């Protein structure tokens, strides 16, 4: 499943970050921010109208991501309860 599809207050584990093109700068930046395989991730909240931005927690850090950016992160329901 994609991170953008993860229900609110749900914990998962990052599987990978998919690149839209070779040397994708957004995918590279997401990995630099901590979206790496095995990392615990939680969907905290979504924006009111177009559901942008998404508030996502990786480890102890929270990030606001566009839905299109979150869609590049593949996750699995392997996280512990919130």
N, C-alpha and C. Protein backbone atom coordinates (compact mmCIF):
# COMPACT_ATOMS: atom_id res chain seq x y z
N UNK A 1 0.84 -1.17 0.00
CA UNK A 1 0.00 0.00 0.00
C UNK A 1 0.89 1.24 0.00
N UNK A 2 0.36 2.33 -0.50
CA UNK A 2 1.09 3.59 -0.52
C UNK A 2 0.85 4.34 0.79
N UNK A 3 1.82 5.12 1.20
CA UNK A 3 1.69 5.92 2.42
C UNK A 3 0.49 6.86 2.31
N UNK A 4 0.21 7.37 1.14
CA UNK A 4 -0.93 8.28 0.95
C UNK A 4 -2.27 7.59 1.19
N UNK A 5 -2.31 6.25 1.16
CA UNK A 5 -3.53 5.48 1.36
C UNK A 5 -3.69 5.00 2.80
N UNK A 6 -2.68 5.21 3.62
CA UNK A 6 -2.69 4.73 5.00
C UNK A 6 -3.74 5.50 5.81
N UNK A 7 -4.63 4.80 6.52
CA UNK A 7 -5.63 5.50 7.33
C UNK A 7 -4.99 6.31 8.46
N UNK A 8 -5.67 7.34 8.89
CA UNK A 8 -5.19 8.21 9.97
C UNK A 8 -4.96 7.41 11.25
N UNK A 9 -3.91 7.76 12.00
CA UNK A 9 -3.52 7.13 13.26
C UNK A 9 -3.18 5.65 13.11
N UNK A 10 -2.69 5.26 11.93
CA UNK A 10 -2.29 3.89 11.66
C UNK A 10 -0.77 3.83 11.54
N UNK A 11 -0.20 2.80 12.17
CA UNK A 11 1.25 2.59 12.14
C UNK A 11 1.58 1.55 11.08
N UNK A 12 2.65 1.78 10.34
CA UNK A 12 3.11 0.84 9.32
C UNK A 12 4.64 0.87 9.28
N UNK A 13 5.21 0.07 8.41
CA UNK A 13 6.66 0.05 8.18
C UNK A 13 6.94 0.41 6.72
N UNK A 14 7.96 1.20 6.50
CA UNK A 14 8.36 1.58 5.14
C UNK A 14 8.95 0.36 4.45
N UNK A 15 8.50 0.10 3.23
CA UNK A 15 9.10 -0.95 2.40
C UNK A 15 10.14 -0.36 1.47
N UNK A 16 9.77 0.72 0.77
CA UNK A 16 10.69 1.37 -0.16
C UNK A 16 10.12 2.72 -0.60
N UNK A 17 10.97 3.51 -1.24
CA UNK A 17 10.54 4.76 -1.87
C UNK A 17 10.69 4.55 -3.37
N UNK A 18 9.59 4.70 -4.10
CA UNK A 18 9.60 4.49 -5.55
C UNK A 18 10.00 5.76 -6.27
N UNK A 19 10.83 5.61 -7.29
CA UNK A 19 11.28 6.75 -8.08
C UNK A 19 10.37 6.93 -9.29
N UNK A 20 9.95 8.15 -9.56
CA UNK A 20 9.12 8.46 -10.72
C UNK A 20 9.96 8.50 -12.00
N UNK A 21 11.25 8.79 -11.86
CA UNK A 21 12.20 8.87 -12.98
C UNK A 21 13.59 8.55 -12.44
N UNK A 22 14.53 8.24 -13.31
CA UNK A 22 15.90 8.01 -12.82
C UNK A 22 16.44 9.25 -12.09
N UNK A 23 17.15 9.03 -11.01
CA UNK A 23 17.70 10.12 -10.18
C UNK A 23 16.63 11.10 -9.72
N UNK A 24 15.49 10.57 -9.29
CA UNK A 24 14.36 11.37 -8.84
C UNK A 24 14.74 12.15 -7.58
N UNK A 25 14.78 13.49 -7.63
CA UNK A 25 15.21 14.27 -6.47
C UNK A 25 14.24 14.19 -5.29
N UNK A 26 12.94 14.02 -5.56
CA UNK A 26 11.98 13.92 -4.46
C UNK A 26 12.15 12.60 -3.73
N UNK A 27 12.31 11.50 -4.47
CA UNK A 27 12.53 10.20 -3.85
C UNK A 27 13.83 10.21 -3.03
N UNK A 28 14.87 10.82 -3.57
CA UNK A 28 16.14 10.91 -2.85
C UNK A 28 15.97 11.70 -1.55
N UNK A 29 15.25 12.79 -1.61
CA UNK A 29 15.03 13.63 -0.43
C UNK A 29 14.21 12.88 0.62
N UNK A 30 13.20 12.14 0.21
CA UNK A 30 12.41 11.35 1.16
C UNK A 30 13.29 10.34 1.89
N UNK A 31 14.19 9.69 1.16
CA UNK A 31 15.12 8.73 1.81
C UNK A 31 16.05 9.46 2.77
N UNK A 32 16.52 10.64 2.40
CA UNK A 32 17.39 11.43 3.29
C UNK A 32 16.67 11.84 4.56
N UNK A 33 15.35 12.05 4.48
CA UNK A 33 14.56 12.45 5.64
C UNK A 33 14.26 11.29 6.58
N UNK A 34 14.52 10.06 6.14
CA UNK A 34 14.32 8.90 7.01
C UNK A 34 13.32 7.89 6.52
N UNK A 35 12.76 8.07 5.34
CA UNK A 35 11.83 7.09 4.78
C UNK A 35 12.64 5.97 4.14
N UNK A 36 13.16 5.07 4.99
CA UNK A 36 13.98 3.96 4.55
C UNK A 36 13.34 2.65 4.99
N UNK A 37 13.69 1.57 4.31
CA UNK A 37 13.09 0.27 4.58
C UNK A 37 13.19 -0.10 6.05
N UNK A 38 12.05 -0.55 6.60
CA UNK A 38 11.99 -1.00 7.98
C UNK A 38 11.65 0.07 8.99
N UNK A 39 11.66 1.33 8.58
CA UNK A 39 11.39 2.42 9.52
C UNK A 39 9.90 2.50 9.84
N UNK A 40 9.59 2.75 11.10
CA UNK A 40 8.20 2.89 11.56
C UNK A 40 7.67 4.24 11.08
N UNK A 41 6.44 4.23 10.55
CA UNK A 41 5.81 5.45 10.05
C UNK A 41 4.35 5.45 10.49
N UNK A 42 3.85 6.65 10.80
CA UNK A 42 2.46 6.77 11.23
C UNK A 42 1.81 7.96 10.54
N UNK A 43 0.60 7.74 10.02
CA UNK A 43 -0.17 8.82 9.42
C UNK A 43 -0.88 9.54 10.56
N UNK A 44 -0.54 10.79 10.77
CA UNK A 44 -1.09 11.54 11.90
C UNK A 44 -2.38 12.29 11.55
N UNK A 45 -2.39 12.98 10.41
CA UNK A 45 -3.55 13.80 10.04
C UNK A 45 -3.47 14.16 8.56
N UNK A 46 -4.59 14.67 8.04
CA UNK A 46 -4.65 15.14 6.66
C UNK A 46 -5.30 16.51 6.64
N UNK A 47 -4.96 17.29 5.63
CA UNK A 47 -5.52 18.63 5.49
C UNK A 47 -7.02 18.59 5.27
N UNK A 48 -7.70 19.72 5.46
CA UNK A 48 -9.16 19.75 5.47
C UNK A 48 -9.86 19.59 4.11
N UNK A 49 -9.36 20.21 3.06
CA UNK A 49 -10.14 20.24 1.83
C UNK A 49 -9.67 19.22 0.80
N UNK A 50 -8.52 19.42 0.25
CA UNK A 50 -8.02 18.48 -0.76
C UNK A 50 -7.20 17.37 -0.12
N UNK A 51 -7.25 17.30 1.21
CA UNK A 51 -6.50 16.30 1.98
C UNK A 51 -4.99 16.52 1.86
N UNK A 52 -4.59 17.71 1.51
CA UNK A 52 -3.17 18.09 1.49
C UNK A 52 -2.98 19.20 2.49
N UNK A 53 -1.92 19.27 3.21
CA UNK A 53 -0.85 18.27 3.28
C UNK A 53 -1.21 17.12 4.22
N UNK A 54 -0.39 16.08 4.18
CA UNK A 54 -0.51 14.96 5.11
C UNK A 54 0.54 15.14 6.19
N UNK A 55 0.17 14.92 7.43
CA UNK A 55 1.12 14.98 8.54
C UNK A 55 1.53 13.54 8.85
N UNK A 56 2.82 13.26 8.66
CA UNK A 56 3.35 11.90 8.80
C UNK A 56 4.48 11.92 9.82
N UNK A 57 4.51 10.91 10.68
CA UNK A 57 5.58 10.80 11.66
C UNK A 57 6.48 9.62 11.31
N UNK A 58 7.78 9.88 11.23
CA UNK A 58 8.79 8.86 11.01
C UNK A 58 9.71 8.91 12.21
N UNK A 59 9.75 7.83 12.99
CA UNK A 59 10.50 7.87 14.23
C UNK A 59 9.88 8.89 15.15
N UNK A 60 10.66 9.89 15.59
CA UNK A 60 10.14 10.94 16.47
C UNK A 60 9.96 12.27 15.74
N UNK A 61 10.08 12.25 14.41
CA UNK A 61 10.01 13.47 13.62
C UNK A 61 8.74 13.49 12.78
N UNK A 62 8.09 14.64 12.71
CA UNK A 62 6.88 14.79 11.90
C UNK A 62 7.18 15.63 10.67
N UNK A 63 6.57 15.23 9.55
CA UNK A 63 6.75 15.92 8.28
C UNK A 63 5.39 16.20 7.66
N UNK A 64 5.26 17.32 6.99
CA UNK A 64 4.09 17.62 6.17
C UNK A 64 4.47 17.28 4.74
N UNK A 65 3.73 16.36 4.14
CA UNK A 65 4.00 15.92 2.77
C UNK A 65 2.79 16.16 1.89
N UNK A 66 3.05 16.45 0.64
CA UNK A 66 1.97 16.46 -0.34
C UNK A 66 1.53 15.02 -0.57
N UNK A 67 0.27 14.85 -0.93
CA UNK A 67 -0.24 13.50 -1.20
C UNK A 67 0.58 12.83 -2.31
N UNK A 68 1.00 13.58 -3.32
CA UNK A 68 1.79 13.02 -4.41
C UNK A 68 3.16 12.54 -3.93
N UNK A 69 3.73 13.21 -2.94
CA UNK A 69 5.01 12.77 -2.38
C UNK A 69 4.82 11.51 -1.54
N UNK A 70 3.77 11.49 -0.72
CA UNK A 70 3.49 10.33 0.11
C UNK A 70 3.17 9.09 -0.73
N UNK A 71 2.64 9.30 -1.93
CA UNK A 71 2.31 8.17 -2.80
C UNK A 71 3.55 7.45 -3.29
N UNK A 72 4.72 8.05 -3.18
CA UNK A 72 5.96 7.40 -3.61
C UNK A 72 6.50 6.43 -2.56
N UNK A 73 5.97 6.50 -1.34
CA UNK A 73 6.47 5.66 -0.24
C UNK A 73 5.57 4.44 -0.10
N UNK A 74 6.15 3.24 -0.30
CA UNK A 74 5.42 1.98 -0.12
C UNK A 74 5.55 1.55 1.32
N UNK A 75 4.42 1.16 1.95
CA UNK A 75 4.43 0.73 3.35
C UNK A 75 3.69 -0.60 3.48
N UNK A 76 3.95 -1.28 4.60
CA UNK A 76 3.22 -2.51 4.93
C UNK A 76 2.75 -2.38 6.36
N UNK A 77 1.67 -3.05 6.70
CA UNK A 77 1.13 -3.01 8.05
C UNK A 77 1.95 -3.88 8.98
N UNK A 78 3.18 -3.49 9.20
CA UNK A 78 4.06 -4.24 10.07
C UNK A 78 4.43 -3.50 11.33
N UNK A 79 3.78 -2.37 11.60
CA UNK A 79 4.10 -1.56 12.76
C UNK A 79 3.32 -1.99 13.98
N UNK A 80 3.82 -1.61 15.15
CA UNK A 80 3.09 -1.92 16.37
C UNK A 80 1.95 -0.94 16.58
N UNK A 81 1.09 -1.20 17.52
CA UNK A 81 -0.07 -0.34 17.78
C UNK A 81 0.37 1.05 18.18
N UNK A 82 -0.43 2.03 17.82
CA UNK A 82 -0.12 3.44 18.12
C UNK A 82 -0.31 3.78 19.57
